[in-house]
């Protein structure tokens, strides 16, 4: 069994130095979330980050690429995933109780910068007192599904990430629509891959149908494919053809039609 690697202080210093060099019109923040932040990670767990930046900065040539390059110092340990969003959209998603943002506010932390996140956390204390606005949340998630479906992917790695994201959102949409008394904690769990499937199969066993069972099986396959392609190795031709075949079958499923 391989020993789990962790970043050392010098890795973080290098990252912060590179981030400090990035020119921006407005202060930006990077949030850290997922199993690496929670502490329940395994050897192949990704580093997950969320970039909170102004629209103006995100539109600057090379801005997101520079942030990505700084964080990619951690790639020697495990794959790095970065999602970017602007302040207004984050606030909208928080008011809608969208699972990823609710996950971030409840279980995430500030990795770099400190401008908006704590304010969002205070806002959440009030928002969470209200019922989940399903009538607005479900259409929003479905629009995000369409967005990811329409992305043009260039590599098998990008395609596997796209499929996993579409399937995750599809599972969330199903749960929010079909579970009448779904709680905020369940919304958070729906955004945690290592916990979502177990919760659905146990907690929602009376509501399970062929649609959700198919989505769960396909997501398991998408995660397995993503882990293969994240290794960036020259696979033997026979294995690569097998992986491409599995990808083709998965993408031809109902969720991608």
Protein backbone atom coordinates (compact mmCIF):
# COMPACT_ATOMS: atom_id res chain seq x y z
CA UNK A 1 0.00 0.00 0.00
CA UNK A 2 1.43 3.38 -1.05
CA UNK A 3 1.95 6.06 1.56
CA UNK A 4 -0.42 9.02 1.22
CA UNK A 5 1.49 12.15 0.23
CA UNK A 6 0.71 15.58 1.65
CA UNK A 7 1.94 19.04 0.64
CA UNK A 8 4.77 20.52 2.66
CA UNK A 9 4.99 24.17 3.80
CA UNK A 10 7.30 25.09 0.94
CA UNK A 11 4.66 23.97 -1.58
CA UNK A 12 2.15 26.38 -0.10
CA UNK A 13 4.71 29.20 0.01
CA UNK A 14 5.43 28.71 -3.70
CA UNK A 15 1.71 28.76 -4.49
CA UNK A 16 1.06 31.90 -2.46
CA UNK A 17 4.05 33.65 -4.05
CA UNK A 18 2.74 32.87 -7.54
CA UNK A 19 -0.79 33.99 -6.61
CA UNK A 20 0.55 37.27 -5.23
CA UNK A 21 2.15 37.98 -8.61
CA UNK A 22 -1.16 37.74 -10.50
CA UNK A 23 -2.51 41.15 -11.52
CA UNK A 24 -6.20 41.71 -10.81
CA UNK A 25 -8.58 44.67 -10.78
CA UNK A 26 -10.40 43.31 -7.74
CA UNK A 27 -9.29 41.09 -4.85
CA UNK A 28 -9.91 37.43 -5.57
CA UNK A 29 -10.32 34.47 -3.25
CA UNK A 30 -9.63 30.78 -3.56
CA UNK A 31 -11.74 28.41 -1.48
CA UNK A 32 -10.59 24.91 -0.54
CA UNK A 33 -13.13 22.11 -0.21
CA UNK A 34 -13.60 18.38 -0.66
CA UNK A 35 -12.00 15.43 1.08
CA UNK A 36 -8.51 16.98 1.12
CA UNK A 37 -9.91 19.90 3.11
CA UNK A 38 -12.16 17.76 5.35
CA UNK A 39 -9.35 15.32 6.12
CA UNK A 40 -11.12 12.12 5.00
CA UNK A 41 -9.08 11.75 1.82
CA UNK A 42 -7.34 8.78 0.25
CA UNK A 43 -4.21 8.46 -1.87
CA UNK A 44 -5.99 9.34 -5.14
CA UNK A 45 -8.26 12.09 -3.78
CA UNK A 46 -8.21 15.32 -5.80
CA UNK A 47 -7.48 18.81 -4.52
CA UNK A 48 -10.65 20.85 -5.10
CA UNK A 49 -10.60 24.64 -5.30
CA UNK A 50 -13.16 27.31 -6.13
CA UNK A 51 -11.98 30.64 -7.50
CA UNK A 52 -14.12 33.62 -6.50
CA UNK A 53 -13.17 36.45 -8.85
CA UNK A 54 -14.76 39.40 -10.61
CA UNK A 55 -16.07 38.93 -14.14
CA UNK A 56 -13.58 41.55 -15.35
CA UNK A 57 -10.62 39.60 -14.00
CA UNK A 58 -11.89 36.27 -15.30
CA UNK A 59 -12.17 37.75 -18.79
CA UNK A 60 -8.54 38.89 -18.76
CA UNK A 61 -6.34 36.75 -21.04
CA UNK A 62 -4.38 34.30 -18.94
CA UNK A 63 -5.91 35.19 -15.55
CA UNK A 64 -7.51 31.81 -14.79
CA UNK A 65 -4.58 30.00 -16.41
CA UNK A 66 -2.15 31.74 -14.03
CA UNK A 67 -4.26 30.78 -11.01
CA UNK A 68 -4.39 27.21 -12.32
CA UNK A 69 -0.63 27.08 -12.86
CA UNK A 70 0.01 28.25 -9.30
CA UNK A 71 -2.27 25.58 -7.83
CA UNK A 72 -0.83 22.92 -10.13
CA UNK A 73 2.25 22.80 -7.92
CA UNK A 74 0.11 20.28 -6.01
CA UNK A 75 -0.25 18.07 -9.12
CA UNK A 76 2.86 16.15 -8.03
CA UNK A 77 0.71 14.80 -5.19
CA UNK A 78 -2.77 14.47 -6.71
CA UNK A 79 -4.94 15.97 -9.51
CA UNK A 80 -6.05 19.56 -8.99
CA UNK A 81 -9.57 20.70 -9.93
CA UNK A 82 -10.44 24.38 -10.16
CA UNK A 83 -13.92 25.83 -10.66
CA UNK A 84 -14.28 29.58 -11.23
CA UNK A 85 -17.25 31.79 -10.47
CA UNK A 86 -18.05 35.46 -9.99
CA UNK A 87 -19.36 37.03 -6.79
CA UNK A 88 -22.90 37.74 -8.05
CA UNK A 89 -23.41 34.21 -9.38
CA UNK A 90 -22.11 32.72 -6.13
CA UNK A 91 -24.62 34.85 -4.21
CA UNK A 92 -27.44 33.71 -6.52
CA UNK A 93 -26.50 30.06 -6.07
CA UNK A 94 -26.35 30.54 -2.31
CA UNK A 95 -29.85 32.01 -2.22
CA UNK A 96 -31.07 29.06 -4.32
CA UNK A 97 -29.34 26.62 -1.91
CA UNK A 98 -27.48 25.02 -4.83
CA UNK A 99 -25.65 21.95 -3.42
CA UNK A 100 -22.08 22.83 -4.43
CA UNK A 101 -22.23 26.34 -2.98
CA UNK A 102 -24.01 25.13 0.17
CA UNK A 103 -21.26 22.48 0.48
CA UNK A 104 -18.60 25.19 0.13
CA UNK A 105 -20.13 27.52 2.71
CA UNK A 106 -20.63 24.77 5.26
CA UNK A 107 -17.52 22.62 4.81
CA UNK A 108 -15.08 24.72 2.81
CA UNK A 109 -12.42 27.15 3.97
CA UNK A 110 -10.46 30.12 2.63
CA UNK A 111 -7.22 29.03 0.96
CA UNK A 112 -6.14 32.41 -0.37
CA UNK A 113 -7.56 35.93 0.08
CA UNK A 114 -10.28 36.93 2.50
CA UNK A 115 -12.79 39.35 0.99
CA UNK A 116 -16.22 37.78 0.49
CA UNK A 117 -16.38 34.28 1.92
CA UNK A 118 -17.00 35.15 5.56
CA UNK A 119 -19.76 37.54 4.46
CA UNK A 120 -21.37 34.73 2.49
CA UNK A 121 -21.14 32.52 5.56
CA UNK A 122 -23.03 35.10 7.61
CA UNK A 123 -25.66 35.43 4.85
CA UNK A 124 -26.07 31.66 4.88
CA UNK A 125 -27.03 31.66 8.56
CA UNK A 126 -30.16 33.61 7.57
CA UNK A 127 -30.83 31.90 4.23
CA UNK A 128 -30.70 28.43 5.81
CA UNK A 129 -33.69 29.29 8.02
CA UNK A 130 -35.95 29.28 4.94
CA UNK A 131 -37.35 26.27 3.04
CA UNK A 132 -35.37 24.96 0.07
CA UNK A 133 -36.74 26.84 -3.01
CA UNK A 134 -37.20 23.75 -5.16
CA UNK A 135 -39.27 25.54 -7.79
CA UNK A 136 -36.26 27.75 -8.59
CA UNK A 137 -33.44 25.38 -7.70
CA UNK A 138 -34.39 22.50 -10.02
CA UNK A 139 -34.59 24.68 -13.21
CA UNK A 140 -31.25 26.26 -12.27
CA UNK A 141 -29.56 22.87 -11.92
CA UNK A 142 -31.13 21.69 -15.18
CA UNK A 143 -29.72 24.74 -16.95
CA UNK A 144 -26.28 23.87 -15.59
CA UNK A 145 -26.71 20.32 -16.91
CA UNK A 146 -27.41 21.71 -20.38
CA UNK A 147 -24.37 24.00 -20.09
CA UNK A 148 -22.01 21.11 -19.29
CA UNK A 149 -23.55 18.90 -21.98
CA UNK A 150 -22.84 21.55 -24.60
CA UNK A 151 -19.19 22.06 -23.65
CA UNK A 152 -16.76 21.10 -26.37
CA UNK A 153 -14.17 18.75 -24.90
CA UNK A 154 -10.73 18.32 -26.46
CA UNK A 155 -9.37 15.29 -24.64
CA UNK A 156 -10.62 12.09 -23.04
CA UNK A 157 -9.70 13.58 -19.67
CA UNK A 158 -11.90 16.63 -20.26
CA UNK A 159 -14.68 14.40 -21.55
CA UNK A 160 -14.62 12.19 -18.46
CA UNK A 161 -14.77 15.26 -16.18
CA UNK A 162 -17.69 16.58 -18.24
CA UNK A 163 -19.58 13.30 -17.89
CA UNK A 164 -19.02 13.11 -14.15
CA UNK A 165 -20.28 16.67 -13.71
CA UNK A 166 -23.42 16.08 -15.82
CA UNK A 167 -24.20 12.90 -13.89
CA UNK A 168 -23.63 14.54 -10.50
CA UNK A 169 -25.99 17.38 -11.40
CA UNK A 170 -28.55 14.95 -12.82
CA UNK A 171 -28.52 12.97 -9.55
CA UNK A 172 -28.95 16.19 -7.57
CA UNK A 173 -31.87 17.25 -9.76
CA UNK A 174 -33.53 13.84 -9.32
CA UNK A 175 -33.16 13.93 -5.53
CA UNK A 176 -34.44 17.48 -5.11
CA UNK A 177 -37.50 16.68 -7.23
CA UNK A 178 -38.29 13.26 -5.75
CA UNK A 179 -37.44 13.55 -2.05
CA UNK A 180 -40.17 15.64 -0.42
CA UNK A 181 -38.47 16.30 2.90
CA UNK A 182 -34.89 16.63 1.67
CA UNK A 183 -32.74 18.51 4.18
CA UNK A 184 -29.87 20.96 3.82
CA UNK A 185 -27.46 18.32 5.13
CA UNK A 186 -28.67 15.98 2.39
CA UNK A 187 -28.04 18.71 -0.21
CA UNK A 188 -24.46 18.93 1.03
CA UNK A 189 -24.03 15.15 0.93
CA UNK A 190 -25.30 15.08 -2.67
CA UNK A 191 -22.20 17.10 -3.59
CA UNK A 192 -19.74 14.74 -1.87
CA UNK A 193 -19.01 11.81 -4.23
CA UNK A 194 -17.78 9.46 -1.50
CA UNK A 195 -21.02 9.87 0.46
CA UNK A 196 -23.79 10.63 -2.04
CA UNK A 197 -24.38 7.16 -3.47
CA UNK A 198 -24.43 5.47 -0.06
CA UNK A 199 -26.94 8.03 1.24
CA UNK A 200 -29.21 7.63 -1.76
CA UNK A 201 -29.21 3.83 -1.71
CA UNK A 202 -29.88 3.67 2.04
CA UNK A 203 -31.87 6.79 2.91
CA UNK A 204 -33.92 6.93 -0.28
CA UNK A 205 -34.39 3.18 -0.78
CA UNK A 206 -38.19 3.51 -0.98
CA UNK A 207 -37.93 6.15 -3.73
CA UNK A 208 -35.35 4.36 -5.90
CA UNK A 209 -36.38 3.85 -9.51
CA UNK A 210 -34.66 2.78 -12.72
CA UNK A 211 -33.70 6.38 -13.54
CA UNK A 212 -31.71 7.03 -10.40
CA UNK A 213 -30.18 3.54 -10.34
CA UNK A 214 -28.93 4.07 -13.89
CA UNK A 215 -27.54 7.49 -12.99
CA UNK A 216 -25.68 6.06 -9.99
CA UNK A 217 -24.17 3.23 -12.03
CA UNK A 218 -23.12 5.61 -14.79
CA UNK A 219 -21.54 8.01 -12.33
CA UNK A 220 -19.48 5.18 -10.83
CA UNK A 221 -18.23 4.39 -14.33
CA UNK A 222 -17.51 8.08 -15.05
CA UNK A 223 -15.44 8.42 -11.87
CA UNK A 224 -13.45 5.30 -12.76
CA UNK A 225 -12.75 6.64 -16.26
CA UNK A 226 -11.74 10.05 -14.90
CA UNK A 227 -9.22 8.44 -12.55
CA UNK A 228 -7.69 6.54 -15.48
CA UNK A 229 -7.32 9.63 -17.68
CA UNK A 230 -6.04 11.82 -14.84
CA UNK A 231 -2.92 9.65 -14.70
CA UNK A 232 -1.72 11.16 -18.01
CA UNK A 233 0.04 7.94 -18.96
CA UNK A 234 0.64 6.34 -22.30
CA UNK A 235 -1.74 3.43 -21.93
CA UNK A 236 -1.21 0.28 -24.00
CA UNK A 237 -3.21 0.51 -27.23
CA UNK A 238 -5.59 -2.26 -26.15
CA UNK A 239 -6.36 -0.56 -22.83
CA UNK A 240 -6.80 2.84 -24.47
CA UNK A 241 -9.28 1.40 -26.97
CA UNK A 242 -11.14 -0.27 -24.11
CA UNK A 243 -11.32 3.04 -22.22
CA UNK A 244 -12.53 4.88 -25.31
CA UNK A 245 -15.17 2.21 -25.88
CA UNK A 246 -16.40 2.53 -22.29
CA UNK A 247 -16.49 6.32 -22.73
CA UNK A 248 -18.53 6.02 -25.92
CA UNK A 249 -21.06 3.69 -24.30
CA UNK A 250 -21.40 5.95 -21.28
CA UNK A 251 -21.85 9.11 -23.33
CA UNK A 252 -24.50 7.47 -25.53
CA UNK A 253 -26.69 6.95 -22.44
CA UNK A 254 -29.97 8.75 -21.80
CA UNK A 255 -28.35 11.41 -19.67
CA UNK A 256 -26.42 12.74 -22.68
CA UNK A 257 -29.19 12.67 -25.26
